[in-house]
């Protein structure tokens, strides 16, 4: 790897795409890591592949890890309904059914392992603490604690070369993320945010509603097509 290299976690969503481009613009040589973890649809992985192709990234690993075997979530269990039309002011007041148990712990662990293996000094993840839908593994204190754990639990860490966890979006609102993405020329039309995998974004799930709110507040038009609601 080059002197400045990173592993970027890429789901295919708006936030992770903006994080990817932030890393590229910051001068990192990036390798991308995505997961097929038992999602009820594969549309976001299609978006991740399209983003990797768009930026001509040479290494994109997709790890198959079926989290349905160890956890429950509306994102991996078709018998659990994905919440729709919730009040945006209530999204962060409780942990929603779309929370996948320990997902970021698992994915960050894999990203750190990949970074250590290829000699990358940094892992980028697009977590956000402002519009975070109540997920506990998107908070700054979690990221700080995980980075410390990785320092203690890796060869490079105990040798004094800890792997840094970069979270460029963590203190931004969704509209600020979208404005940043526009400045970075992120191809929002290639991203997929909806928790459902239909031909069009539903516009009703928490993720769609936060995205639409963000574009509205940013004064921009979302290039994705939505179902009529």
Foldseek 3Di string as FASTA:
>chain_A
DDPAAEEQEAQQALLSLLQVLVSVVVPHLYAYEYEPAQFPDCLSVQLVVVSCVVVVRDHYYYYYHHLVVPWFAVRRDVVDDFDWQDDQVCQQVAQDRRATPCVVVVVVVVRLVVCVVVVHQEYEYRAEDPSHRNHPCRAPVNQVVSQVVQLVPDPCSVVPRGRYYDHPHHHPQLLRSVVSCVVSVRPLQSGDFASDDDPARACIGSRNVSNVVSCVVNVHDRPGGYDDD
